Amino acid sequence: MEGLVWRWEWRDALTQSEEHELINLKELLLDANVNPNSVDRWRWSIGYAGLFSVKSCYNFLLQISLTETLQPMLLEAIKKLWKNDVPSK
């Protein structure tokens, strides 16, 4: 057998919204390079060198807020994220 075969199984029938999300997921997976001979690993695709940082996540959320319409409360929370009295780790 050549190529990767995805097996989609659901306990319940998908809603129309979930069907739409599944179509989007399948489109994203078309270009996925999966190697069955390598070990899975986590990778933060937004950050430098695949490593997660709060700063990269914050910057990503700010970029999204410039291109997408966010709920006003969420947008306000993103803007205040760095302006708080929480001690650093």
PDB file of N, CA and C in Angstrom:
ATOM      1  N   MET A   1       0.844  -1.178   0.000  1.00  0.00           N
ATOM      2  CA  MET A   1       0.000   0.000   0.000  1.00  0.00           C
ATOM      3  C   MET A   1       0.887   1.239   0.000  1.00  0.00           C
ATOM      4  N   GLU A   2       0.603   2.165  -0.841  1.00  0.00           N
ATOM      5  CA  GLU A   2       1.403   3.369  -0.942  1.00  0.00           C
ATOM      6  C   GLU A   2       0.629   4.572  -0.429  1.00  0.00           C
ATOM      7  N   GLY A   3       1.319   5.439   0.292  1.00  0.00           N
ATOM      8  CA  GLY A   3       0.686   6.649   0.804  1.00  0.00           C
ATOM      9  C   GLY A   3      -0.004   6.413   2.133  1.00  0.00           C
ATOM     10  N   LEU A   4      -0.414   7.489   2.706  1.00  0.00           N
ATOM     11  CA  LEU A   4      -1.063   7.476   4.005  1.00  0.00           C
ATOM     12  C   LEU A   4      -2.573   7.406   3.836  1.00  0.00           C
ATOM     13  N   VAL A   5      -3.213   6.602   4.651  1.00  0.00           N
ATOM     14  CA  VAL A   5      -4.662   6.478   4.616  1.00  0.00           C
ATOM     15  C   VAL A   5      -5.203   6.951   5.960  1.00  0.00           C
ATOM     16  N   TRP A   6      -6.061   7.959   5.933  1.00  0.00           N
ATOM     17  CA  TRP A   6      -6.676   8.471   7.149  1.00  0.00           C
ATOM     18  C   TRP A   6      -7.936   7.672   7.431  1.00  0.00           C
ATOM     19  N   ARG A   7      -8.132   7.328   8.689  1.00  0.00           N
ATOM     20  CA  ARG A   7      -9.332   6.610   9.102  1.00  0.00           C
ATOM     21  C   ARG A   7     -10.131   7.512  10.030  1.00  0.00           C
ATOM     22  N   TRP A   8     -11.257   7.992   9.578  1.00  0.00           N
ATOM     23  CA  TRP A   8     -12.080   8.913  10.349  1.00  0.00           C
ATOM     24  C   TRP A   8     -13.238   8.141  10.970  1.00  0.00           C
ATOM     25  N   GLU A   9     -13.281   8.115  12.296  1.00  0.00           N
ATOM     26  CA  GLU A   9     -14.359   7.430  13.000  1.00  0.00           C
ATOM     27  C   GLU A   9     -14.910   8.360  14.071  1.00  0.00           C
ATOM     28  N   TRP A  10     -16.234   8.453  14.150  1.00  0.00           N
ATOM     29  CA  TRP A  10     -16.873   9.337  15.118  1.00  0.00           C
ATOM     30  C   TRP A  10     -17.901   8.546  15.912  1.00  0.00           C
ATOM     31  N   ARG A  11     -17.999   8.849  17.195  1.00  0.00           N
ATOM     32  CA  ARG A  11     -19.023   8.204  18.032  1.00  0.00           C
ATOM     33  C   ARG A  11     -20.414   8.664  17.639  1.00  0.00           C
ATOM     34  N   ASP A  12     -20.544   9.953  17.374  1.00  0.00           N
ATOM     35  CA  ASP A  12     -21.839  10.544  17.017  1.00  0.00           C
ATOM     36  C   ASP A  12     -21.730  11.186  15.639  1.00  0.00           C
ATOM     37  N   ALA A  13     -22.872  11.436  15.055  1.00  0.00           N
ATOM     38  CA  ALA A  13     -22.898  12.132  13.763  1.00  0.00           C
ATOM     39  C   ALA A  13     -22.388  13.563  13.955  1.00  0.00           C
ATOM     40  N   LEU A  14     -21.642  14.049  12.996  1.00  0.00           N
ATOM     41  CA  LEU A  14     -21.107  15.404  13.074  1.00  0.00           C
ATOM     42  C   LEU A  14     -22.183  16.427  12.741  1.00  0.00           C
ATOM     43  N   THR A  15     -22.086  17.564  13.402  1.00  0.00           N
ATOM     44  CA  THR A  15     -22.985  18.669  13.071  1.00  0.00           C
ATOM     45  C   THR A  15     -22.513  19.291  11.764  1.00  0.00           C
ATOM     46  N   GLN A  16     -23.320  20.170  11.216  1.00  0.00           N
ATOM     47  CA  GLN A  16     -22.940  20.840   9.973  1.00  0.00           C
ATOM     48  C   GLN A  16     -21.671  21.667  10.183  1.00  0.00           C
ATOM     49  N   SER A  17     -21.558  22.310  11.333  1.00  0.00           N
ATOM     50  CA  SER A  17     -20.371  23.100  11.655  1.00  0.00           C
ATOM     51  C   SER A  17     -19.134  22.202  11.774  1.00  0.00           C
ATOM     52  N   GLU A  18     -19.294  21.050  12.412  1.00  0.00           N
ATOM     53  CA  GLU A  18     -18.177  20.115  12.543  1.00  0.00           C
ATOM     54  C   GLU A  18     -17.772  19.544  11.190  1.00  0.00           C
ATOM     55  N   GLU A  19     -18.741  19.299  10.331  1.00  0.00           N
ATOM     56  CA  GLU A  19     -18.437  18.827   8.976  1.00  0.00           C
ATOM     57  C   GLU A  19     -17.582  19.848   8.234  1.00  0.00           C
ATOM     58  N   HIS A  20     -17.951  21.120   8.384  1.00  0.00           N
ATOM     59  CA  HIS A  20     -17.193  22.195   7.744  1.00  0.00           C
ATOM     60  C   HIS A  20     -15.761  22.245   8.299  1.00  0.00           C
ATOM     61  N   GLU A  21     -15.612  22.108   9.618  1.00  0.00           N
ATOM     62  CA  GLU A  21     -14.280  22.090  10.229  1.00  0.00           C
ATOM     63  C   GLU A  21     -13.473  20.894   9.758  1.00  0.00           C
ATOM     64  N   LEU A  22     -14.133  19.748   9.587  1.00  0.00           N
ATOM     65  CA  LEU A  22     -13.448  18.547   9.097  1.00  0.00           C
ATOM     66  C   LEU A  22     -12.929  18.755   7.682  1.00  0.00           C
ATOM     67  N   ILE A  23     -13.720  19.377   6.842  1.00  0.00           N
ATOM     68  CA  ILE A  23     -13.277  19.684   5.476  1.00  0.00           C
ATOM     69  C   ILE A  23     -12.035  20.569   5.521  1.00  0.00           C
ATOM     70  N   ASN A  24     -12.055  21.603   6.394  1.00  0.00           N
ATOM     71  CA  ASN A  24     -10.884  22.475   6.536  1.00  0.00           C
ATOM     72  C   ASN A  24      -9.672  21.701   7.028  1.00  0.00           C
ATOM     73  N   LEU A  25      -9.882  20.796   7.993  1.00  0.00           N
ATOM     74  CA  LEU A  25      -8.780  19.987   8.508  1.00  0.00           C
ATOM     75  C   LEU A  25      -8.185  19.109   7.418  1.00  0.00           C
ATOM     76  N   LYS A  26      -9.045  18.476   6.641  1.00  0.00           N
ATOM     77  CA  LYS A  26      -8.561  17.606   5.563  1.00  0.00           C
ATOM     78  C   LYS A  26      -7.747  18.397   4.537  1.00  0.00           C
ATOM     79  N   GLU A  27      -8.163  19.633   4.263  1.00  0.00           N
ATOM     80  CA  GLU A  27      -7.394  20.478   3.346  1.00  0.00           C
ATOM     81  C   GLU A  27      -6.022  20.798   3.926  1.00  0.00           C
ATOM     82  N   LEU A  28      -5.962  21.061   5.237  1.00  0.00           N
ATOM     83  CA  LEU A  28      -4.674  21.326   5.873  1.00  0.00           C
ATOM     84  C   LEU A  28      -3.770  20.098   5.840  1.00  0.00           C
ATOM     85  N   LEU A  29      -4.358  18.929   5.967  1.00  0.00           N
ATOM     86  CA  LEU A  29      -3.568  17.695   6.012  1.00  0.00           C
ATOM     87  C   LEU A  29      -3.069  17.246   4.646  1.00  0.00           C
ATOM     88  N   LEU A  30      -3.603  17.822   3.577  1.00  0.00           N
ATOM     89  CA  LEU A  30      -3.146  17.438   2.238  1.00  0.00           C
ATOM     90  C   LEU A  30      -1.650  17.640   2.071  1.00  0.00           C
ATOM     91  N   ASP A  31      -1.121  18.705   2.653  1.00  0.00           N
ATOM     92  CA  ASP A  31       0.300  19.017   2.519  1.00  0.00           C
ATOM     93  C   ASP A  31       1.135  18.492   3.682  1.00  0.00           C
ATOM     94  N   ALA A  32       0.512  17.746   4.589  1.00  0.00           N
ATOM     95  CA  ALA A  32       1.254  17.228   5.750  1.00  0.00           C
ATOM     96  C   ALA A  32       2.216  16.141   5.302  1.00  0.00           C
ATOM     97  N   ASN A  33       3.428  16.221   5.831  1.00  0.00           N
ATOM     98  CA  ASN A  33       4.445  15.228   5.537  1.00  0.00           C
ATOM     99  C   ASN A  33       4.571  14.327   6.767  1.00  0.00           C
ATOM    100  N   VAL A  34       3.967  13.151   6.691  1.00  0.00           N
ATOM    101  CA  VAL A  34       3.960  12.224   7.820  1.00  0.00           C
ATOM    102  C   VAL A  34       4.905  11.077   7.514  1.00  0.00           C
ATOM    103  N   ASN A  35       5.828  10.839   8.430  1.00  0.00           N
ATOM    104  CA  ASN A  35       6.787   9.756   8.266  1.00  0.00           C
ATOM    105  C   ASN A  35       6.498   8.691   9.326  1.00  0.00           C
ATOM    106  N   PRO A  36       5.979   7.535   8.935  1.00  0.00           N
ATOM    107  CA  PRO A  36       5.639   6.505   9.921  1.00  0.00           C
ATOM    108  C   PRO A  36       6.855   5.911  10.632  1.00  0.00           C
ATOM    109  N   ASN A  37       8.056   6.196  10.140  1.00  0.00           N
ATOM    110  CA  ASN A  37       9.272   5.656  10.746  1.00  0.00           C
ATOM    111  C   ASN A  37       9.928   6.607  11.744  1.00  0.00           C
ATOM    112  N   SER A  38       9.293   7.751  11.996  1.00  0.00           N
ATOM    113  CA  SER A  38       9.881   8.692  12.961  1.00  0.00           C
ATOM    114  C   SER A  38       8.937   8.878  14.145  1.00  0.00           C
ATOM    115  N   VAL A  39       9.510   9.300  15.255  1.00  0.00           N
ATOM    116  CA  VAL A  39       8.760   9.494  16.484  1.00  0.00           C
ATOM    117  C   VAL A  39       8.018  10.833  16.425  1.00  0.00           C
ATOM    118  N   ASP A  40       6.789  10.840  16.942  1.00  0.00           N
ATOM    119  CA  ASP A  40       6.027  12.088  17.013  1.00  0.00           C
ATOM    120  C   ASP A  40       6.704  13.058  17.964  1.00  0.00           C
ATOM    121  N   ARG A  41       6.531  14.350  17.694  1.00  0.00           N
ATOM    122  CA  ARG A  41       7.060  15.376  18.603  1.00  0.00           C
ATOM    123  C   ARG A  41       6.207  16.621  18.471  1.00  0.00           C
ATOM    124  N   TRP A  42       6.231  17.431  19.523  1.00  0.00           N
ATOM    125  CA  TRP A  42       5.506  18.692  19.527  1.00  0.00           C
ATOM    126  C   TRP A  42       6.355  19.756  18.875  1.00  0.00           C
ATOM    127  N   ARG A  43       5.717  20.658  18.154  1.00  0.00           N
ATOM    128  CA  ARG A  43       6.429  21.769  17.516  1.00  0.00           C
ATOM    129  C   ARG A  43       5.505  22.975  17.486  1.00  0.00           C
ATOM    130  N   TRP A  44       6.004  24.119  17.939  1.00  0.00           N
ATOM    131  CA  TRP A  44       5.251  25.376  17.921  1.00  0.00           C
ATOM    132  C   TRP A  44       5.589  26.067  16.625  1.00  0.00           C
ATOM    133  N   SER A  45       4.700  25.983  15.644  1.00  0.00           N
ATOM    134  CA  SER A  45       5.006  26.478  14.301  1.00  0.00           C
ATOM    135  C   SER A  45       5.049  27.996  14.220  1.00  0.00           C
ATOM    136  N   ILE A  46       4.535  28.670  15.215  1.00  0.00           N
ATOM    137  CA  ILE A  46       4.507  30.133  15.194  1.00  0.00           C
ATOM    138  C   ILE A  46       5.812  30.719  15.723  1.00  0.00           C
ATOM    139  N   GLY A  47       6.415  30.044  16.676  1.00  0.00           N
ATOM    140  CA  GLY A  47       7.604  30.581  17.341  1.00  0.00           C
ATOM    141  C   GLY A  47       8.900  30.271  16.629  1.00  0.00           C
ATOM    142  N   TYR A  48       9.947  30.910  17.102  1.00  0.00           N
ATOM    143  CA  TYR A  48      11.287  30.731  16.541  1.00  0.00           C
ATOM    144  C   TYR A  48      11.759  29.303  16.784  1.00  0.00           C
ATOM    145  N   ALA A  49      12.252  28.650  15.769  1.00  0.00           N
ATOM    146  CA  ALA A  49      12.831  27.304  15.837  1.00  0.00           C
ATOM    147  C   ALA A  49      11.865  26.258  16.392  1.00  0.00           C
ATOM    148  N   GLY A  50      10.554  26.510  16.286  1.00  0.00           N
ATOM    149  CA  GLY A  50       9.586  25.530  16.741  1.00  0.00           C
ATOM    150  C   GLY A  50       9.391  25.471  18.236  1.00  0.00           C
ATOM    151  N   LEU A  51       9.937  26.445  18.969  1.00  0.00           N
ATOM    152  CA  LEU A  51       9.816  26.450  20.424  1.00  0.00           C
ATOM    153  C   LEU A  51       8.749  27.440  20.868  1.00  0.00           C
ATOM    154  N   PHE A  52       7.937  27.013  21.825  1.00  0.00           N
ATOM    155  CA  PHE A  52       6.873  27.875  22.329  1.00  0.00           C
ATOM    156  C   PHE A  52       7.429  28.950  23.244  1.00  0.00           C
ATOM    157  N   SER A  53       6.874  30.143  23.123  1.00  0.00           N
ATOM    158  CA  SER A  53       7.122  31.201  24.100  1.00  0.00           C
ATOM    159  C   SER A  53       5.827  31.986  24.257  1.00  0.00           C
ATOM    160  N   VAL A  54       5.627  32.534  25.433  1.00  0.00           N
ATOM    161  CA  VAL A  54       4.433  33.331  25.678  1.00  0.00           C
ATOM    162  C   VAL A  54       4.435  34.536  24.750  1.00  0.00           C
ATOM    163  N   LYS A  55       5.618  35.112  24.543  1.00  0.00           N
ATOM    164  CA  LYS A  55       5.722  36.287  23.677  1.00  0.00           C
ATOM    165  C   LYS A  55       5.270  35.966  22.249  1.00  0.00           C
ATOM    166  N   SER A  56       5.688  34.813  21.713  1.00  0.00           N
ATOM    167  CA  SER A  56       5.274  34.466  20.350  1.00  0.00           C
ATOM    168  C   SER A  56       3.761  34.250  20.284  1.00  0.00           C
ATOM    169  N   CYS A  57       3.193  33.669  21.329  1.00  0.00           N
ATOM    170  CA  CYS A  57       1.741  33.466  21.372  1.00  0.00           C
ATOM    171  C   CYS A  57       1.026  34.814  21.458  1.00  0.00           C
ATOM    172  N   TYR A  58       1.535  35.704  22.308  1.00  0.00           N
ATOM    173  CA  TYR A  58       0.945  37.038  22.452  1.00  0.00           C
ATOM    174  C   TYR A  58       0.994  37.797  21.132  1.00  0.00           C
ATOM    175  N   ASN A  59       2.143  37.785  20.465  1.00  0.00           N
ATOM    176  CA  ASN A  59       2.278  38.473  19.179  1.00  0.00           C
ATOM    177  C   ASN A  59       1.347  37.877  18.129  1.00  0.00           C
ATOM    178  N   PHE A  60       1.199  36.556  18.150  1.00  0.00           N
ATOM    179  CA  PHE A  60       0.289  35.904  17.215  1.00  0.00           C
ATOM    180  C   PHE A  60      -1.147  36.353  17.468  1.00  0.00           C
ATOM    181  N   LEU A  61      -1.552  36.405  18.735  1.00  0.00           N
ATOM    182  CA  LEU A  61      -2.908  36.851  19.062  1.00  0.00           C
ATOM    183  C   LEU A  61      -3.129  38.300  18.641  1.00  0.00           C
ATOM    184  N   LEU A  62      -2.109  39.136  18.801  1.00  0.00           N
ATOM    185  CA  LEU A  62      -2.238  40.523  18.356  1.00  0.00           C
ATOM    186  C   LEU A  62      -2.402  40.604  16.847  1.00  0.00           C
ATOM    187  N   GLN A  63      -1.647  39.798  16.117  1.00  0.00           N
ATOM    188  CA  GLN A  63      -1.764  39.789  14.658  1.00  0.00           C
ATOM    189  C   GLN A  63      -3.156  39.353  14.227  1.00  0.00           C
ATOM    190  N   ILE A  64      -3.684  38.340  14.895  1.00  0.00           N
ATOM    191  CA  ILE A  64      -5.038  37.871  14.573  1.00  0.00           C
ATOM    192  C   ILE A  64      -6.045  38.983  14.819  1.00  0.00           C
ATOM    193  N   SER A  65      -5.839  39.721  15.910  1.00  0.00           N
ATOM    194  CA  SER A  65      -6.803  40.774  16.242  1.00  0.00           C
ATOM    195  C   SER A  65      -6.805  41.877  15.180  1.00  0.00           C
ATOM    196  N   LEU A  66      -5.710  42.005  14.425  1.00  0.00           N
ATOM    197  CA  LEU A  66      -5.654  43.007  13.371  1.00  0.00           C
ATOM    198  C   LEU A  66      -6.341  42.538  12.088  1.00  0.00           C
ATOM    199  N   THR A  67      -6.429  41.209  11.906  1.00  0.00           N
ATOM    200  CA  THR A  67      -6.986  40.688  10.658  1.00  0.00           C
ATOM    201  C   THR A  67      -8.365  40.066  10.810  1.00  0.00           C
ATOM    202  N   GLU A  68      -8.733  39.702  12.035  1.00  0.00           N
ATOM    203  CA  GLU A  68     -10.026  39.058  12.259  1.00  0.00           C
ATOM    204  C   GLU A  68     -10.835  39.861  13.267  1.00  0.00           C
ATOM    205  N   THR A  69     -12.127  39.738  13.172  1.00  0.00           N
ATOM    206  CA  THR A  69     -12.993  40.397  14.130  1.00  0.00           C
ATOM    207  C   THR A  69     -13.105  39.518  15.363  1.00  0.00           C
ATOM    208  N   LEU A  70     -12.622  40.034  16.484  1.00  0.00           N
ATOM    209  CA  LEU A  70     -12.689  39.298  17.736  1.00  0.00           C
ATOM    210  C   LEU A  70     -13.765  39.891  18.624  1.00  0.00           C
ATOM    211  N   GLN A  71     -14.247  39.085  19.549  1.00  0.00           N
ATOM    212  CA  GLN A  71     -15.193  39.591  20.524  1.00  0.00           C
ATOM    213  C   GLN A  71     -14.509  40.699  21.319  1.00  0.00           C
ATOM    214  N   PRO A  72     -15.206  41.792  21.598  1.00  0.00           N
ATOM    215  CA  PRO A  72     -14.595  42.925  22.297  1.00  0.00           C
ATOM    216  C   PRO A  72     -13.919  42.543  23.611  1.00  0.00           C
ATOM    217  N   MET A  73     -14.523  41.636  24.383  1.00  0.00           N
ATOM    218  CA  MET A  73     -13.924  41.247  25.667  1.00  0.00           C
ATOM    219  C   MET A  73     -12.618  40.487  25.464  1.00  0.00           C
ATOM    220  N   LEU A  74     -12.564  39.635  24.438  1.00  0.00           N
ATOM    221  CA  LEU A  74     -11.347  38.893  24.147  1.00  0.00           C
ATOM    222  C   LEU A  74     -10.238  39.833  23.691  1.00  0.00           C
ATOM    223  N   LEU A  75     -10.574  40.768  22.841  1.00  0.00           N
ATOM    224  CA  LEU A  75      -9.596  41.735  22.359  1.00  0.00           C
ATOM    225  C   LEU A  75      -9.046  42.555  23.518  1.00  0.00           C
ATOM    226  N   GLU A  76      -9.905  42.977  24.415  1.00  0.00           N
ATOM    227  CA  GLU A  76      -9.468  43.748  25.591  1.00  0.00           C
ATOM    228  C   GLU A  76      -8.549  42.906  26.475  1.00  0.00           C
ATOM    229  N   ALA A  77      -8.861  41.623  26.641  1.00  0.00           N
ATOM    230  CA  ALA A  77      -8.017  40.729  27.448  1.00  0.00           C
ATOM    231  C   ALA A  77      -6.635  40.576  26.822  1.00  0.00           C
ATOM    232  N   ILE A  78      -6.575  40.454  25.502  1.00  0.00           N
ATOM    233  CA  ILE A  78      -5.282  40.322  24.819  1.00  0.00           C
ATOM    234  C   ILE A  78      -4.446  41.581  25.031  1.00  0.00           C
ATOM    235  N   LYS A  79      -5.079  42.737  24.914  1.00  0.00           N
ATOM    236  CA  LYS A  79      -4.355  43.995  25.079  1.00  0.00           C
ATOM    237  C   LYS A  79      -3.813  44.165  26.498  1.00  0.00           C
ATOM    238  N   LYS A  80      -4.513  43.609  27.497  1.00  0.00           N
ATOM    239  CA  LYS A  80      -4.097  43.758  28.897  1.00  0.00           C
ATOM    240  C   LYS A  80      -3.186  42.632  29.377  1.00  0.00           C
ATOM    241  N   LEU A  81      -2.912  41.660  28.529  1.00  0.00           N
ATOM    242  CA  LEU A  81      -2.171  40.482  28.940  1.00  0.00           C
ATOM    243  C   LEU A  81      -0.850  40.809  29.625  1.00  0.00           C
ATOM    244  N   TRP A  82      -0.088  41.739  29.087  1.00  0.00           N
ATOM    245  CA  TRP A  82       1.216  42.063  29.660  1.00  0.00           C
ATOM    246  C   TRP A  82       1.121  43.149  30.734  1.00  0.00           C
ATOM    247  N   LYS A  83      -0.026  43.738  30.897  1.00  0.00           N
ATOM    248  CA  LYS A  83      -0.169  44.816  31.872  1.00  0.00           C
ATOM    249  C   LYS A  83      -0.930  44.292  33.084  1.00  0.00           C
ATOM    250  N   ASN A  84      -0.277  43.475  33.893  1.00  0.00           N
ATOM    251  CA  ASN A  84      -0.913  42.935  35.087  1.00  0.00           C
ATOM    252  C   ASN A  84       0.100  42.851  36.218  1.00  0.00           C
ATOM    253  N   ASP A  85      -0.379  42.542  37.409  1.00  0.00           N
ATOM    254  CA  ASP A  85       0.477  42.481  38.587  1.00  0.00           C
ATOM    255  C   ASP A  85       0.849  41.053  38.953  1.00  0.00           C
ATOM    256  N   VAL A  86       0.781  40.138  38.028  1.00  0.00           N
ATOM    257  CA  VAL A  86       1.109  38.742  38.289  1.00  0.00           C
ATOM    258  C   VAL A  86       2.636  38.602  38.268  1.00  0.00           C
ATOM    259  N   PRO A  87       3.197  37.965  39.310  1.00  0.00           N
ATOM    260  CA  PRO A  87       4.661  37.801  39.322  1.00  0.00           C
ATOM    261  C   PRO A  87       5.113  36.840  38.212  1.00  0.00           C
ATOM    262  N   SER A  88       6.334  37.036  37.733  1.00  0.00           N
ATOM    263  CA  SER A  88       6.867  36.143  36.707  1.00  0.00           C
ATOM    264  C   SER A  88       7.117  34.770  37.295  1.00  0.00           C
ATOM    265  N   LYS A  89       7.241  33.811  36.435  1.00  0.00           N
ATOM    266  CA  LYS A  89       7.424  32.441  36.913  1.00  0.00           C
ATOM    267  C   LYS A  89       8.710  32.307  37.673  1.00  0.00           C
TER     268      LYS A  89
END
